[in-house]
C-alpha atoms as a PDB file:
ATOM      1  CA  MET A   1      94.711  89.053 104.249  1.00  0.00           C
ATOM      2  CA  THR A   2      96.506  92.240 105.105  1.00  0.00           C
ATOM      3  CA  LYS A   3      98.745  94.001 102.624  1.00  0.00           C
ATOM      4  CA  ILE A   4     101.751  96.045 103.707  1.00  0.00           C
ATOM      5  CA  GLN A   5     103.066  98.377 101.026  1.00  0.00           C
ATOM      6  CA  ILE A   6     106.538  99.841 100.982  1.00  0.00           C
ATOM      7  CA  LYS A   7     106.794 102.588  98.389  1.00  0.00           C
ATOM      8  CA  ASN A   8     109.799 104.003  96.633  1.00  0.00           C
ATOM      9  CA  ALA A   9     112.739 102.653  98.614  1.00  0.00           C
ATOM     10  CA  ILE A  10     115.757 104.176  96.872  1.00  0.00           C
ATOM     11  CA  TYR A  11     119.034 102.375  96.261  1.00  0.00           C
ATOM     12  CA  TYR A  12     122.235 102.944  94.378  1.00  0.00           C
ATOM     13  CA  CYS A  13     123.603  99.663  93.082  1.00  0.00           C
ATOM     14  CA  TYR A  14     125.709  98.050  90.385  1.00  0.00           C
ATOM     15  CA  ASN A  15     123.386  95.862  88.336  1.00  0.00           C
ATOM     16  CA  GLY A  16     123.242  95.697  84.567  1.00  0.00           C
ATOM     17  CA  VAL A  17     124.640  94.073  81.500  1.00  0.00           C
ATOM     18  CA  SER A  18     127.118  96.722  80.370  1.00  0.00           C
ATOM     19  CA  THR A  19     130.555  97.212  81.865  1.00  0.00           C
ATOM     20  CA  ALA A  20     129.723 100.859  82.558  1.00  0.00           C
ATOM     21  CA  GLU A  21     126.605  99.948  84.568  1.00  0.00           C
ATOM     22  CA  LYS A  22     128.604  97.490  86.639  1.00  0.00           C
ATOM     23  CA  ALA A  23     131.416  99.995  87.236  1.00  0.00           C
ATOM     24  CA  LEU A  24     129.450 103.225  87.709  1.00  0.00           C
ATOM     25  CA  GLY A  25     126.205 101.871  89.135  1.00  0.00           C
ATOM     26  CA  GLY A  26     122.841 103.522  88.988  1.00  0.00           C
ATOM     27  CA  LYS A  27     119.783 104.638  90.894  1.00  0.00           C
ATOM     28  CA  TYR A  28     116.948 102.192  91.522  1.00  0.00           C
ATOM     29  CA  GLN A  29     113.542 102.607  93.131  1.00  0.00           C
ATOM     30  CA  LEU A  30     111.689  99.698  94.692  1.00  0.00           C
ATOM     31  CA  ASP A  31     108.096  99.069  95.785  1.00  0.00           C
ATOM     32  CA  LEU A  32     107.087  96.015  97.767  1.00  0.00           C
ATOM     33  CA  ASP A  33     103.645  94.583  98.548  1.00  0.00           C
ATOM     34  CA  ILE A  34     103.523  91.924 101.255  1.00  0.00           C
ATOM     35  CA  TYR A  35     100.383  89.927 102.003  1.00  0.00           C
ATOM     36  CA  TYR A  36      99.877  88.015 105.248  1.00  0.00           C
ATOM     37  CA  ASP A  37      97.263  86.984 107.794  1.00  0.00           C
ATOM     38  CA  ALA A  38      97.534  89.746 110.409  1.00  0.00           C
ATOM     39  CA  THR A  39      94.716  88.457 112.622  1.00  0.00           C
ATOM     40  CA  LYS A  40      96.949  87.491 115.545  1.00  0.00           C
ATOM     41  CA  ALA A  41      98.973  90.706 115.282  1.00  0.00           C
ATOM     42  CA  ILE A  42      95.820  92.821 115.229  1.00  0.00           C
ATOM     43  CA  GLU A  43      94.155  90.996 118.121  1.00  0.00           C
ATOM     44  CA  SER A  44      97.252  91.233 120.303  1.00  0.00           C
ATOM     45  CA  ASP A  45      98.530  94.570 118.970  1.00  0.00           C
ATOM     46  CA  ASP A  46     101.967  92.948 119.178  1.00  0.00           C
ATOM     47  CA  VAL A  47     104.628  93.437 116.516  1.00  0.00           C
ATOM     48  CA  SER A  48     106.092  90.002 117.210  1.00  0.00           C
ATOM     49  CA  TYR A  49     103.041  88.551 115.403  1.00  0.00           C
ATOM     50  CA  ALA A  50     103.316  90.986 112.500  1.00  0.00           C
ATOM     51  CA  ILE A  51     105.561  91.455 109.499  1.00  0.00           C
ATOM     52  CA  ASN A  52     108.139  93.951 110.696  1.00  0.00           C
ATOM     53  CA  TYR A  53     108.650  96.148 107.637  1.00  0.00           C
ATOM     54  CA  ASN A  54     111.853  97.582 109.072  1.00  0.00           C
ATOM     55  CA  ASP A  55     113.337  94.063 109.140  1.00  0.00           C
ATOM     56  CA  VAL A  56     112.017  93.457 105.617  1.00  0.00           C
ATOM     57  CA  LEU A  57     113.830  96.553 104.384  1.00  0.00           C
ATOM     58  CA  PHE A  58     117.089  95.331 105.933  1.00  0.00           C
ATOM     59  CA  THR A  59     116.632  92.023 104.083  1.00  0.00           C
ATOM     60  CA  VAL A  60     115.958  93.797 100.787  1.00  0.00           C
ATOM     61  CA  SER A  61     118.825  96.258 101.305  1.00  0.00           C
ATOM     62  CA  ASP A  62     121.258  93.420 101.951  1.00  0.00           C
ATOM     63  CA  ILE A  63     120.381  91.845  98.600  1.00  0.00           C
ATOM     64  CA  VAL A  64     120.244  95.060  96.576  1.00  0.00           C
ATOM     65  CA  GLU A  65     123.432  96.542  98.006  1.00  0.00           C
ATOM     66  CA  ASN A  66     125.604  93.427  98.270  1.00  0.00           C
ATOM     67  CA  GLU A  67     124.714  91.295  95.268  1.00  0.00           C
ATOM     68  CA  THR A  68     124.910  92.126  91.576  1.00  0.00           C
ATOM     69  CA  PHE A  69     122.858  90.803  88.694  1.00  0.00           C
ATOM     70  CA  ASN A  70     122.741  91.369  84.965  1.00  0.00           C
ATOM     71  CA  LEU A  71     118.938  91.554  84.939  1.00  0.00           C
ATOM     72  CA  ILE A  72     116.545  93.405  87.217  1.00  0.00           C
ATOM     73  CA  GLU A  73     114.251  90.403  86.723  1.00  0.00           C
ATOM     74  CA  THR A  74     116.837  88.277  88.538  1.00  0.00           C
ATOM     75  CA  LEU A  75     117.164  90.864  91.292  1.00  0.00           C
ATOM     76  CA  ALA A  76     113.377  90.879  91.762  1.00  0.00           C
ATOM     77  CA  ASP A  77     113.248  87.081  91.909  1.00  0.00           C
ATOM     78  CA  ASN A  78     116.024  86.942  94.517  1.00  0.00           C
ATOM     79  CA  ILE A  79     114.243  89.475  96.702  1.00  0.00           C
ATOM     80  CA  LEU A  80     110.997  87.489  96.567  1.00  0.00           C
ATOM     81  CA  LEU A  81     112.688  84.151  97.249  1.00  0.00           C
ATOM     82  CA  ASN A  82     114.479  85.605 100.278  1.00  0.00           C
ATOM     83  CA  LEU A  83     111.287  87.135 101.684  1.00  0.00           C
ATOM     84  CA  LEU A  84     109.397  83.847 101.428  1.00  0.00           C
ATOM     85  CA  GLU A  85     112.334  81.993 102.974  1.00  0.00           C
ATOM     86  CA  GLU A  86     112.993  84.388 105.874  1.00  0.00           C
ATOM     87  CA  TYR A  87     109.445  85.391 106.830  1.00  0.00           C
ATOM     88  CA  ASP A  88     107.081  82.508 107.489  1.00  0.00           C
ATOM     89  CA  LEU A  89     104.085  84.841 107.750  1.00  0.00           C
ATOM     90  CA  VAL A  90     104.430  86.082 104.159  1.00  0.00           C
ATOM     91  CA  GLU A  91     101.803  84.447 101.955  1.00  0.00           C
ATOM     92  CA  LYS A  92     102.446  86.480  98.828  1.00  0.00           C
ATOM     93  CA  ALA A  93     104.791  89.278  97.806  1.00  0.00           C
ATOM     94  CA  THR A  94     105.065  91.548  94.799  1.00  0.00           C
ATOM     95  CA  VAL A  95     108.090  93.688  94.019  1.00  0.00           C
ATOM     96  CA  ARG A  96     108.422  96.483  91.478  1.00  0.00           C
ATOM     97  CA  ILE A  97     111.920  97.657  90.626  1.00  0.00           C
ATOM     98  CA  ARG A  98     112.526 100.798  88.605  1.00  0.00           C
ATOM     99  CA  LYS A  99     115.888 101.352  86.974  1.00  0.00           C
ATOM    100  CA  ILE A 100     116.317 105.116  86.653  1.00  0.00           C
ATOM    101  CA  ASP A 101     118.264 106.808  83.836  1.00  0.00           C
ATOM    102  CA  VAL A 102     118.653 103.635  81.829  1.00  0.00           C
ATOM    103  CA  PRO A 103     121.687 103.842  79.506  1.00  0.00           C
ATOM    104  CA  ILE A 104     119.844 103.183  76.238  1.00  0.00           C
ATOM    105  CA  ASN A 105     119.384 105.200  73.053  1.00  0.00           C
ATOM    106  CA  HIS A 106     115.831 106.255  73.935  1.00  0.00           C
ATOM    107  CA  CYS A 107     114.349 108.851  76.265  1.00  0.00           C
ATOM    108  CA  VAL A 108     112.548 107.097  79.123  1.00  0.00           C
ATOM    109  CA  ASP A 109     112.058 107.979  82.780  1.00  0.00           C
ATOM    110  CA  TYR A 110     112.770 104.421  83.865  1.00  0.00           C
ATOM    111  CA  VAL A 111     112.389 100.753  83.064  1.00  0.00           C
ATOM    112  CA  GLU A 112     110.347  98.767  85.579  1.00  0.00           C
ATOM    113  CA  VAL A 113     109.945  95.085  86.272  1.00  0.00           C
ATOM    114  CA  GLU A 114     107.199  93.627  88.447  1.00  0.00           C
ATOM    115  CA  ALA A 115     107.265  90.111  89.845  1.00  0.00           C
ATOM    116  CA  SER A 116     105.189  88.156  92.367  1.00  0.00           C
ATOM    117  CA  LYS A 117     105.562  84.924  94.294  1.00  0.00           C
ATOM    118  CA  GLU A 118     103.308  83.167  96.759  1.00  0.00           C
ATOM    119  CA  ARG A 119     103.390  80.053  98.868  1.00  0.00           C
END
């Protein structure tokens, strides 16, 4: 198994429970780990047999920027479901989503959710 890691993709989106979060939006950071059998890609040195991480980021961006959810857990689940559906080579994926400057009455850098799915 080969693991591709995408670290700290940054998005501005409109997820959250409160009306203010939905109206004003907020900054999110995202990490993604994708596991797949890269044997054929490595032997051929051909991207058509690999997971194209640029395409993966377009898939993730489409979800993050065009859909809204109350919970970042739901956002994470939707990302994972879409990756497994769109990319047959993906055997397992893990996503970490950090919600920056969370509007709560406590001082925290961020709140993070991590979720994984596999075939």
